[in-house]
N, C-alpha and C. Protein backbone atom coordinates (compact mmCIF):
# COMPACT_ATOMS: atom_id res chain seq x y z
N MET A 1 1.19 179.99 99.58
CA MET A 1 1.55 178.80 100.32
C MET A 1 2.31 177.86 99.39
N THR A 2 3.44 177.37 99.84
CA THR A 2 4.21 176.41 99.04
C THR A 2 3.99 175.01 99.60
N LEU A 3 4.03 174.05 98.69
CA LEU A 3 3.89 172.66 99.10
C LEU A 3 5.20 172.16 99.69
N PRO A 4 5.11 171.27 100.68
CA PRO A 4 6.35 170.73 101.24
C PRO A 4 7.07 169.88 100.19
N GLU A 5 8.39 169.92 100.23
CA GLU A 5 9.19 169.14 99.29
C GLU A 5 9.08 167.66 99.64
N LEU A 6 8.89 166.84 98.62
CA LEU A 6 8.80 165.40 98.81
C LEU A 6 10.19 164.87 99.14
N THR A 7 10.29 164.17 100.23
CA THR A 7 11.56 163.58 100.63
C THR A 7 11.55 162.12 100.21
N LEU A 8 12.48 161.78 99.34
CA LEU A 8 12.59 160.40 98.89
C LEU A 8 13.41 159.60 99.89
N PRO A 9 13.10 158.33 100.02
CA PRO A 9 13.91 157.47 100.89
C PRO A 9 15.29 157.25 100.28
N ASP A 10 16.21 156.78 101.08
CA ASP A 10 17.54 156.44 100.60
C ASP A 10 17.43 155.17 99.77
N LEU A 11 17.61 155.30 98.47
CA LEU A 11 17.47 154.16 97.57
C LEU A 11 18.81 153.52 97.22
N GLN A 12 19.87 153.95 97.90
CA GLN A 12 21.17 153.34 97.66
C GLN A 12 21.99 153.32 98.96
N PRO A 13 21.43 152.71 99.99
CA PRO A 13 22.15 152.65 101.27
C PRO A 13 23.21 151.54 101.25
N THR A 14 24.01 151.52 102.27
CA THR A 14 24.89 150.37 102.52
C THR A 14 24.17 149.50 103.54
N LEU A 15 24.03 148.22 103.20
CA LEU A 15 23.32 147.26 104.05
C LEU A 15 24.30 146.15 104.42
N ILE A 16 24.38 145.85 105.70
CA ILE A 16 25.36 144.87 106.17
C ILE A 16 24.66 143.71 106.85
N GLY A 17 24.96 142.52 106.37
CA GLY A 17 24.41 141.30 106.94
C GLY A 17 25.51 140.45 107.53
N PRO A 18 25.18 139.26 107.99
CA PRO A 18 26.19 138.39 108.60
C PRO A 18 27.31 137.98 107.64
N THR A 19 26.99 137.77 106.35
CA THR A 19 28.02 137.29 105.42
C THR A 19 28.24 138.18 104.21
N VAL A 20 27.36 139.15 103.97
CA VAL A 20 27.52 140.04 102.82
C VAL A 20 27.36 141.49 103.22
N THR A 21 28.00 142.35 102.44
CA THR A 21 27.78 143.79 102.49
C THR A 21 27.24 144.20 101.14
N ILE A 22 26.15 144.94 101.16
CA ILE A 22 25.56 145.47 99.94
C ILE A 22 25.83 146.97 99.99
N ARG A 23 26.56 147.44 98.99
CA ARG A 23 26.92 148.86 99.00
C ARG A 23 26.68 149.46 97.62
N PRO A 24 26.56 150.79 97.54
CA PRO A 24 26.34 151.42 96.24
C PRO A 24 27.43 151.05 95.24
N ILE A 25 27.02 150.78 94.02
CA ILE A 25 27.97 150.49 92.95
C ILE A 25 28.76 151.75 92.63
N ALA A 26 30.01 151.58 92.25
CA ALA A 26 30.88 152.70 91.89
C ALA A 26 31.58 152.38 90.58
N ALA A 27 31.97 153.41 89.85
CA ALA A 27 32.63 153.21 88.55
C ALA A 27 33.86 152.32 88.65
N ASN A 28 34.58 152.41 89.76
CA ASN A 28 35.80 151.60 89.88
C ASN A 28 35.51 150.14 90.24
N ASP A 29 34.24 149.74 90.30
CA ASP A 29 33.88 148.33 90.51
C ASP A 29 33.86 147.54 89.20
N TRP A 30 34.03 148.22 88.06
CA TRP A 30 33.87 147.58 86.75
C TRP A 30 34.66 146.28 86.62
N THR A 31 35.95 146.32 86.81
CA THR A 31 36.81 145.17 86.53
C THR A 31 36.40 143.96 87.37
N GLU A 32 36.23 144.17 88.65
CA GLU A 32 35.90 143.04 89.53
C GLU A 32 34.47 142.54 89.31
N LEU A 33 33.54 143.45 89.08
CA LEU A 33 32.16 143.00 88.86
C LEU A 33 32.01 142.30 87.51
N PHE A 34 32.71 142.80 86.49
CA PHE A 34 32.67 142.11 85.20
C PHE A 34 33.26 140.71 85.32
N ALA A 35 34.34 140.57 86.07
CA ALA A 35 34.91 139.24 86.29
C ALA A 35 33.89 138.32 86.96
N ALA A 36 33.15 138.84 87.92
CA ALA A 36 32.13 138.04 88.61
C ALA A 36 30.98 137.67 87.67
N GLY A 37 30.60 138.58 86.78
CA GLY A 37 29.45 138.37 85.92
C GLY A 37 29.76 137.80 84.55
N SER A 38 31.02 137.46 84.29
CA SER A 38 31.39 137.00 82.94
C SER A 38 31.24 135.49 82.74
N ASP A 39 30.60 134.83 83.67
CA ASP A 39 30.33 133.39 83.56
C ASP A 39 29.03 133.19 82.77
N PRO A 40 29.09 132.57 81.59
CA PRO A 40 27.87 132.39 80.79
C PRO A 40 26.76 131.62 81.52
N ALA A 41 27.12 130.74 82.44
CA ALA A 41 26.12 129.95 83.15
C ALA A 41 25.20 130.83 84.01
N ILE A 42 25.69 131.96 84.47
CA ILE A 42 24.86 132.87 85.27
C ILE A 42 23.67 133.35 84.46
N TRP A 43 23.88 133.56 83.17
CA TRP A 43 22.87 134.21 82.33
C TRP A 43 22.11 133.25 81.42
N GLU A 44 22.38 131.95 81.49
CA GLU A 44 21.79 131.02 80.53
C GLU A 44 20.27 130.96 80.56
N LEU A 45 19.63 131.27 81.66
CA LEU A 45 18.17 131.27 81.74
C LEU A 45 17.58 132.68 81.73
N HIS A 46 18.43 133.66 81.74
CA HIS A 46 18.03 135.07 81.80
C HIS A 46 17.59 135.55 80.41
N PRO A 47 16.65 136.48 80.33
CA PRO A 47 16.27 137.02 79.02
C PRO A 47 17.44 137.65 78.25
N ALA A 48 18.43 138.20 78.96
CA ALA A 48 19.64 138.76 78.31
C ALA A 48 20.76 137.73 78.44
N ARG A 49 20.67 136.67 77.66
CA ARG A 49 21.58 135.53 77.79
C ARG A 49 23.04 135.86 77.46
N ASP A 50 23.27 136.95 76.74
CA ASP A 50 24.65 137.30 76.38
C ASP A 50 25.25 138.36 77.30
N ARG A 51 24.67 138.53 78.46
CA ARG A 51 25.15 139.55 79.38
C ARG A 51 26.56 139.24 79.91
N TYR A 52 27.02 138.03 79.76
CA TYR A 52 28.38 137.68 80.19
C TYR A 52 29.45 138.30 79.28
N THR A 53 29.06 138.78 78.09
CA THR A 53 30.04 139.39 77.17
C THR A 53 30.34 140.82 77.63
N GLU A 54 31.52 141.30 77.31
CA GLU A 54 31.91 142.63 77.77
C GLU A 54 30.97 143.74 77.27
N PRO A 55 30.58 143.76 75.98
CA PRO A 55 29.68 144.85 75.55
C PRO A 55 28.33 144.83 76.27
N GLU A 56 27.75 143.65 76.45
CA GLU A 56 26.45 143.57 77.12
C GLU A 56 26.56 143.84 78.61
N PHE A 57 27.63 143.34 79.22
CA PHE A 57 27.80 143.62 80.65
C PHE A 57 28.08 145.11 80.87
N ARG A 58 28.77 145.75 79.93
CA ARG A 58 29.03 147.20 80.03
C ARG A 58 27.71 147.95 80.04
N LYS A 59 26.75 147.56 79.19
CA LYS A 59 25.43 148.21 79.20
C LYS A 59 24.75 148.03 80.56
N PHE A 60 24.81 146.80 81.08
CA PHE A 60 24.24 146.49 82.39
C PHE A 60 24.90 147.35 83.47
N PHE A 61 26.21 147.40 83.46
CA PHE A 61 26.99 148.14 84.46
C PHE A 61 26.71 149.65 84.38
N ASP A 62 26.77 150.19 83.17
CA ASP A 62 26.52 151.63 83.00
C ASP A 62 25.10 152.00 83.40
N GLY A 63 24.13 151.12 83.09
CA GLY A 63 22.75 151.35 83.52
C GLY A 63 22.63 151.34 85.04
N ALA A 64 23.38 150.46 85.66
CA ALA A 64 23.38 150.40 87.13
C ALA A 64 23.90 151.71 87.72
N LEU A 65 25.00 152.21 87.17
CA LEU A 65 25.55 153.48 87.66
C LEU A 65 24.55 154.62 87.48
N ARG A 66 23.94 154.69 86.30
CA ARG A 66 22.97 155.77 86.02
C ARG A 66 21.74 155.68 86.90
N SER A 67 21.36 154.49 87.31
CA SER A 67 20.13 154.31 88.07
C SER A 67 20.16 154.99 89.44
N LYS A 68 21.33 155.10 90.01
CA LYS A 68 21.49 155.65 91.38
C LYS A 68 20.72 154.83 92.41
N MET A 69 20.45 153.55 92.05
CA MET A 69 19.75 152.64 92.96
C MET A 69 20.38 151.25 92.93
N ALA A 70 21.60 151.14 92.41
CA ALA A 70 22.23 149.83 92.22
C ALA A 70 23.32 149.58 93.26
N PHE A 71 23.60 148.29 93.42
CA PHE A 71 24.53 147.84 94.46
C PHE A 71 25.48 146.79 93.91
N VAL A 72 26.61 146.67 94.59
CA VAL A 72 27.43 145.47 94.46
C VAL A 72 27.25 144.69 95.76
N VAL A 73 27.41 143.38 95.64
CA VAL A 73 27.32 142.49 96.79
C VAL A 73 28.73 141.99 97.05
N ALA A 74 29.22 142.23 98.25
CA ALA A 74 30.58 141.81 98.61
C ALA A 74 30.52 140.76 99.71
N ASP A 75 31.35 139.75 99.57
CA ASP A 75 31.52 138.74 100.61
C ASP A 75 32.24 139.43 101.77
N ARG A 76 31.65 139.36 102.96
CA ARG A 76 32.25 140.08 104.09
C ARG A 76 33.59 139.50 104.51
N GLU A 77 33.76 138.21 104.37
CA GLU A 77 35.01 137.59 104.81
C GLU A 77 36.17 137.95 103.89
N SER A 78 35.97 137.82 102.58
CA SER A 78 37.06 138.06 101.63
C SER A 78 37.07 139.48 101.06
N GLY A 79 35.92 140.15 101.10
CA GLY A 79 35.80 141.46 100.47
C GLY A 79 35.55 141.40 98.97
N ALA A 80 35.56 140.19 98.39
CA ALA A 80 35.37 140.02 96.95
C ALA A 80 33.95 140.36 96.53
N LEU A 81 33.82 140.97 95.35
CA LEU A 81 32.50 141.23 94.79
C LEU A 81 31.95 139.93 94.23
N ILE A 82 30.74 139.57 94.68
CA ILE A 82 30.15 138.29 94.29
C ILE A 82 28.83 138.47 93.54
N GLY A 83 28.44 139.71 93.28
CA GLY A 83 27.21 139.93 92.56
C GLY A 83 26.75 141.36 92.62
N SER A 84 25.50 141.54 92.20
CA SER A 84 24.92 142.87 92.10
C SER A 84 23.40 142.76 92.21
N SER A 85 22.76 143.86 92.57
CA SER A 85 21.31 143.96 92.58
C SER A 85 20.95 145.44 92.54
N ARG A 86 19.68 145.73 92.40
CA ARG A 86 19.27 147.14 92.45
C ARG A 86 17.79 147.28 92.74
N TYR A 87 17.44 148.47 93.19
CA TYR A 87 16.06 148.89 93.27
C TYR A 87 15.72 149.57 91.94
N HIS A 88 14.42 149.63 91.64
CA HIS A 88 14.00 150.30 90.42
C HIS A 88 12.53 150.70 90.55
N GLY A 89 12.20 151.81 89.89
CA GLY A 89 10.80 152.16 89.69
C GLY A 89 10.02 152.46 90.94
N TYR A 90 10.63 153.14 91.91
CA TYR A 90 9.88 153.46 93.12
C TYR A 90 8.69 154.34 92.78
N GLU A 91 7.51 153.90 93.19
CA GLU A 91 6.26 154.61 92.96
C GLU A 91 5.64 154.97 94.30
N PRO A 92 5.98 156.15 94.87
CA PRO A 92 5.44 156.51 96.18
C PRO A 92 3.92 156.47 96.25
N ALA A 93 3.24 156.88 95.18
CA ALA A 93 1.77 156.90 95.19
C ALA A 93 1.18 155.51 95.33
N PHE A 94 1.90 154.50 94.84
CA PHE A 94 1.43 153.12 94.93
C PHE A 94 2.12 152.34 96.04
N GLY A 95 3.15 152.93 96.64
CA GLY A 95 3.89 152.24 97.69
C GLY A 95 4.62 151.01 97.18
N GLU A 96 5.11 151.09 95.93
CA GLU A 96 5.71 149.92 95.30
C GLU A 96 7.10 150.23 94.78
N ILE A 97 8.00 149.24 94.91
CA ILE A 97 9.35 149.34 94.36
C ILE A 97 9.75 147.97 93.85
N GLU A 98 10.62 147.96 92.87
CA GLU A 98 11.13 146.71 92.32
C GLU A 98 12.52 146.41 92.87
N VAL A 99 12.79 145.14 93.11
CA VAL A 99 14.14 144.64 93.36
C VAL A 99 14.47 143.76 92.18
N GLY A 100 15.60 143.99 91.54
CA GLY A 100 15.92 143.19 90.37
C GLY A 100 17.35 143.37 89.91
N TRP A 101 17.59 142.91 88.68
CA TRP A 101 18.93 142.93 88.09
C TRP A 101 19.93 142.21 88.99
N THR A 102 19.45 141.20 89.68
CA THR A 102 20.28 140.49 90.66
C THR A 102 21.02 139.34 90.01
N PHE A 103 22.30 139.26 90.30
CA PHE A 103 23.04 138.06 89.95
C PHE A 103 24.06 137.79 91.05
N LEU A 104 24.37 136.54 91.21
CA LEU A 104 25.42 136.09 92.14
C LEU A 104 26.32 135.11 91.41
N VAL A 105 27.59 135.08 91.78
CA VAL A 105 28.49 134.07 91.23
C VAL A 105 27.98 132.70 91.65
N ARG A 106 28.27 131.70 90.82
CA ARG A 106 27.70 130.36 91.05
C ARG A 106 28.08 129.77 92.40
N LYS A 107 29.24 130.11 92.91
CA LYS A 107 29.66 129.60 94.22
C LYS A 107 28.61 129.92 95.30
N HIS A 108 27.83 130.97 95.09
CA HIS A 108 26.84 131.42 96.09
C HIS A 108 25.40 131.08 95.70
N TRP A 109 25.21 130.23 94.71
CA TRP A 109 23.87 129.79 94.34
C TRP A 109 23.37 128.74 95.32
N GLY A 110 22.06 128.74 95.52
CA GLY A 110 21.41 127.66 96.26
C GLY A 110 21.66 127.65 97.75
N GLY A 111 22.31 128.66 98.25
CA GLY A 111 22.60 128.70 99.68
C GLY A 111 21.95 129.90 100.33
N ALA A 112 22.56 130.35 101.37
CA ALA A 112 21.99 131.42 102.18
C ALA A 112 22.23 132.82 101.61
N THR A 113 23.16 132.96 100.67
CA THR A 113 23.53 134.30 100.20
C THR A 113 22.36 135.03 99.56
N ASN A 114 21.63 134.39 98.65
CA ASN A 114 20.51 135.06 98.00
C ASN A 114 19.44 135.43 99.03
N ARG A 115 19.17 134.55 99.97
CA ARG A 115 18.17 134.86 101.00
C ARG A 115 18.63 136.07 101.83
N GLU A 116 19.90 136.10 102.19
CA GLU A 116 20.42 137.23 102.98
C GLU A 116 20.34 138.53 102.18
N LEU A 117 20.73 138.48 100.92
CA LEU A 117 20.65 139.66 100.05
C LEU A 117 19.21 140.17 99.97
N LYS A 118 18.28 139.27 99.70
CA LYS A 118 16.88 139.67 99.58
C LYS A 118 16.34 140.18 100.92
N ARG A 119 16.70 139.52 102.03
CA ARG A 119 16.22 139.97 103.34
C ARG A 119 16.69 141.40 103.62
N LEU A 120 17.96 141.68 103.36
CA LEU A 120 18.48 143.03 103.61
C LEU A 120 17.76 144.07 102.74
N MET A 121 17.58 143.74 101.47
CA MET A 121 16.93 144.70 100.57
C MET A 121 15.44 144.86 100.90
N LEU A 122 14.77 143.76 101.24
CA LEU A 122 13.36 143.85 101.63
C LEU A 122 13.18 144.60 102.94
N ASP A 123 14.01 144.31 103.93
CA ASP A 123 13.93 145.04 105.21
C ASP A 123 14.01 146.54 104.96
N HIS A 124 14.95 146.94 104.12
CA HIS A 124 15.10 148.37 103.84
C HIS A 124 13.89 148.90 103.06
N ALA A 125 13.47 148.18 102.02
CA ALA A 125 12.36 148.66 101.17
C ALA A 125 11.07 148.80 101.96
N PHE A 126 10.82 147.88 102.88
CA PHE A 126 9.56 147.94 103.61
C PHE A 126 9.53 149.04 104.67
N ALA A 127 10.61 149.77 104.82
CA ALA A 127 10.58 150.96 105.67
C ALA A 127 9.81 152.09 104.98
N PHE A 128 9.65 152.02 103.64
CA PHE A 128 8.95 153.09 102.92
C PHE A 128 7.96 152.59 101.87
N ALA A 129 7.99 151.31 101.53
CA ALA A 129 7.09 150.77 100.51
C ALA A 129 6.20 149.68 101.12
N SER A 130 5.05 149.46 100.52
CA SER A 130 4.17 148.41 101.02
C SER A 130 4.23 147.14 100.17
N THR A 131 4.78 147.25 98.95
CA THR A 131 4.91 146.10 98.06
C THR A 131 6.24 146.16 97.34
N VAL A 132 6.90 145.01 97.25
CA VAL A 132 8.12 144.88 96.46
C VAL A 132 7.83 143.88 95.34
N VAL A 133 8.18 144.26 94.12
CA VAL A 133 7.96 143.39 92.97
C VAL A 133 9.30 142.94 92.39
N PHE A 134 9.24 141.79 91.71
CA PHE A 134 10.40 141.20 91.07
C PHE A 134 9.97 140.75 89.68
N TRP A 135 10.64 141.23 88.64
CA TRP A 135 10.38 140.80 87.27
C TRP A 135 11.30 139.62 87.00
N VAL A 136 10.71 138.47 86.63
CA VAL A 136 11.49 137.26 86.40
C VAL A 136 11.17 136.73 85.01
N GLY A 137 12.20 136.46 84.22
CA GLY A 137 12.01 135.96 82.87
C GLY A 137 11.15 134.70 82.84
N GLU A 138 10.30 134.62 81.84
CA GLU A 138 9.36 133.50 81.73
C GLU A 138 10.10 132.15 81.68
N GLN A 139 11.29 132.11 81.14
CA GLN A 139 12.07 130.87 81.04
C GLN A 139 13.08 130.72 82.17
N ASN A 140 13.13 131.67 83.07
CA ASN A 140 14.13 131.62 84.15
C ASN A 140 13.57 130.82 85.33
N PHE A 141 13.53 129.51 85.15
CA PHE A 141 12.94 128.63 86.15
C PHE A 141 13.70 128.67 87.47
N ARG A 142 14.99 128.86 87.42
CA ARG A 142 15.80 128.92 88.64
C ARG A 142 15.35 130.11 89.51
N SER A 143 15.20 131.28 88.88
CA SER A 143 14.77 132.47 89.64
C SER A 143 13.31 132.36 90.07
N GLN A 144 12.47 131.72 89.27
CA GLN A 144 11.08 131.52 89.67
C GLN A 144 11.01 130.67 90.94
N ARG A 145 11.78 129.58 90.97
CA ARG A 145 11.81 128.74 92.19
C ARG A 145 12.34 129.53 93.38
N ALA A 146 13.37 130.34 93.14
CA ALA A 146 13.93 131.14 94.24
C ALA A 146 12.88 132.11 94.78
N MET A 147 12.09 132.73 93.89
CA MET A 147 11.05 133.66 94.34
C MET A 147 10.00 132.93 95.17
N GLU A 148 9.61 131.74 94.74
CA GLU A 148 8.61 130.97 95.48
C GLU A 148 9.15 130.56 96.85
N LYS A 149 10.45 130.25 96.92
CA LYS A 149 11.06 129.86 98.20
C LYS A 149 11.02 130.99 99.21
N ILE A 150 11.09 132.24 98.74
CA ILE A 150 11.10 133.36 99.69
C ILE A 150 9.72 134.00 99.84
N GLY A 151 8.69 133.34 99.32
CA GLY A 151 7.33 133.82 99.55
C GLY A 151 6.76 134.74 98.49
N GLY A 152 7.42 134.86 97.34
CA GLY A 152 6.90 135.69 96.27
C GLY A 152 5.66 135.07 95.65
N LEU A 153 4.65 135.87 95.41
CA LEU A 153 3.42 135.42 94.76
C LEU A 153 3.40 135.98 93.35
N ARG A 154 3.14 135.11 92.37
CA ARG A 154 3.12 135.53 90.98
C ARG A 154 1.81 136.21 90.63
N ARG A 155 1.92 137.40 90.06
CA ARG A 155 0.75 138.10 89.56
C ARG A 155 0.25 137.40 88.30
N ALA A 156 -1.04 137.52 88.05
CA ALA A 156 -1.62 136.92 86.85
C ALA A 156 -1.10 137.63 85.61
N GLY A 157 -0.82 136.86 84.59
CA GLY A 157 -0.42 137.44 83.31
C GLY A 157 1.06 137.29 83.02
N VAL A 158 1.40 137.66 81.80
CA VAL A 158 2.78 137.70 81.33
C VAL A 158 3.02 139.12 80.86
N PHE A 159 4.20 139.67 81.18
CA PHE A 159 4.48 141.07 80.94
C PHE A 159 5.74 141.21 80.09
N THR A 160 5.86 142.32 79.38
CA THR A 160 7.08 142.65 78.65
C THR A 160 7.53 144.03 79.08
N ARG A 161 8.83 144.27 78.88
CA ARG A 161 9.35 145.60 79.21
C ARG A 161 10.47 145.93 78.24
N GLU A 162 10.48 147.16 77.81
CA GLU A 162 11.51 147.63 76.89
C GLU A 162 12.79 147.97 77.63
N LEU A 163 12.70 148.15 78.91
CA LEU A 163 13.82 148.58 79.73
C LEU A 163 15.06 147.71 79.57
N THR A 164 14.88 146.44 79.34
CA THR A 164 16.01 145.52 79.26
C THR A 164 16.61 145.45 77.86
N GLY A 165 16.01 146.13 76.89
CA GLY A 165 16.49 146.07 75.53
C GLY A 165 16.05 144.81 74.80
N ALA A 166 15.29 143.98 75.46
CA ALA A 166 14.78 142.76 74.85
C ALA A 166 13.31 142.64 75.21
N ASP A 167 12.48 142.52 74.21
CA ASP A 167 11.04 142.41 74.45
C ASP A 167 10.68 140.97 74.78
N LYS A 168 11.21 140.46 75.86
CA LYS A 168 11.00 139.08 76.28
C LYS A 168 9.87 139.03 77.30
N PRO A 169 9.21 137.88 77.43
CA PRO A 169 8.14 137.75 78.42
C PRO A 169 8.67 137.56 79.84
N TYR A 170 8.00 138.19 80.79
CA TYR A 170 8.36 138.12 82.21
C TYR A 170 7.12 137.79 83.03
N PHE A 171 7.37 137.20 84.18
CA PHE A 171 6.36 137.10 85.23
C PHE A 171 6.72 138.15 86.28
N ILE A 172 5.72 138.66 86.97
CA ILE A 172 5.96 139.58 88.08
C ILE A 172 5.57 138.86 89.36
N TYR A 173 6.50 138.81 90.28
CA TYR A 173 6.26 138.27 91.62
C TYR A 173 6.19 139.45 92.57
N GLU A 174 5.38 139.32 93.61
CA GLU A 174 5.30 140.40 94.59
C GLU A 174 5.34 139.83 96.00
N ILE A 175 5.86 140.65 96.87
CA ILE A 175 5.83 140.39 98.32
C ILE A 175 5.30 141.65 98.97
N THR A 176 4.25 141.53 99.75
CA THR A 176 3.71 142.69 100.45
C THR A 176 4.33 142.78 101.84
N ARG A 177 4.32 143.99 102.37
CA ARG A 177 4.87 144.21 103.70
C ARG A 177 4.16 143.34 104.73
N SER A 178 2.83 143.25 104.64
CA SER A 178 2.08 142.47 105.64
C SER A 178 2.44 140.99 105.56
N ALA A 179 2.57 140.44 104.35
CA ALA A 179 2.95 139.03 104.21
C ALA A 179 4.37 138.81 104.72
N TYR A 180 5.24 139.75 104.42
CA TYR A 180 6.64 139.65 104.84
C TYR A 180 6.76 139.71 106.36
N GLU A 181 6.04 140.65 106.97
CA GLU A 181 6.09 140.77 108.42
C GLU A 181 5.41 139.61 109.10
N GLY A 182 4.43 139.00 108.42
CA GLY A 182 3.72 137.84 108.97
C GLY A 182 4.64 136.64 109.03
N ALA A 183 4.82 135.98 107.91
CA ALA A 183 5.65 134.78 107.90
C ALA A 183 6.77 134.86 106.89
N GLY A 184 6.70 135.79 105.94
CA GLY A 184 7.66 135.86 104.87
C GLY A 184 9.10 136.08 105.29
N ARG A 185 9.32 136.95 106.27
CA ARG A 185 10.69 137.23 106.68
C ARG A 185 11.35 135.98 107.22
N ALA A 186 10.57 135.12 107.87
CA ALA A 186 11.12 133.86 108.41
C ALA A 186 11.65 132.97 107.29
N LEU A 187 11.05 133.07 106.09
CA LEU A 187 11.51 132.26 104.97
C LEU A 187 12.92 132.65 104.53
N LEU A 188 13.30 133.86 104.86
CA LEU A 188 14.63 134.34 104.48
C LEU A 188 15.67 134.12 105.56
N GLY A 189 15.24 133.55 106.69
CA GLY A 189 16.09 133.18 107.80
C GLY A 189 17.34 133.85 107.89
C-alpha cells in the first residue's frame, strides 16, 4: 500500500483586489522592483536597514525568487510595481504560514494599500492554514502599529532568526482564522 501524495496549496497565486494585483515575482521584475525599494526611508526601521542598497536588495530579490512563494505588488491603475511580499515557512502539521518581507513605496503608506494586500494574502492563506504569523522587528514601530490595526496579536517573547542574515530581535504577531473570520477581516475593509 502506498501513501497518498501530499498536495501542497498554491503558495504563489495571482491575487487581484480593487486597487492592486499581487502576482508571482519574476526575474525580469528586478529593475522596477529595485527602483521601488531603493528608498532608504522604507528600511529605516527594518532590521535590514541597508536593504535599499543594490547588493542588499539583490540578496532580498534573489531570495524571493528562490522561495517560490514571493510576489510583486502592482498598482492596478498604472501597472507600476509598488512593493513586494511573500509567504514563508508553511507548516501543514501546525496549520501555520508566515506572511512577511513586505514593503510598499512610501506613496502607499498609511492608506488602504497595505490593508488590501494583507486581506488578499490572508484570504488565500486561510483557505489552507489556521494561523498566519508575521515577524516584525523589535524596533519597527511602524509595522507593529500596522499589525495591531489589522488585528494581529503579539506572541509573548522576543525571537531571533538567522534567515534574514541579521541576528536582530523580532516580535511575532499572529492572526487566527477564527479571529479573522469573526471580526478581523472587517478591520482590513
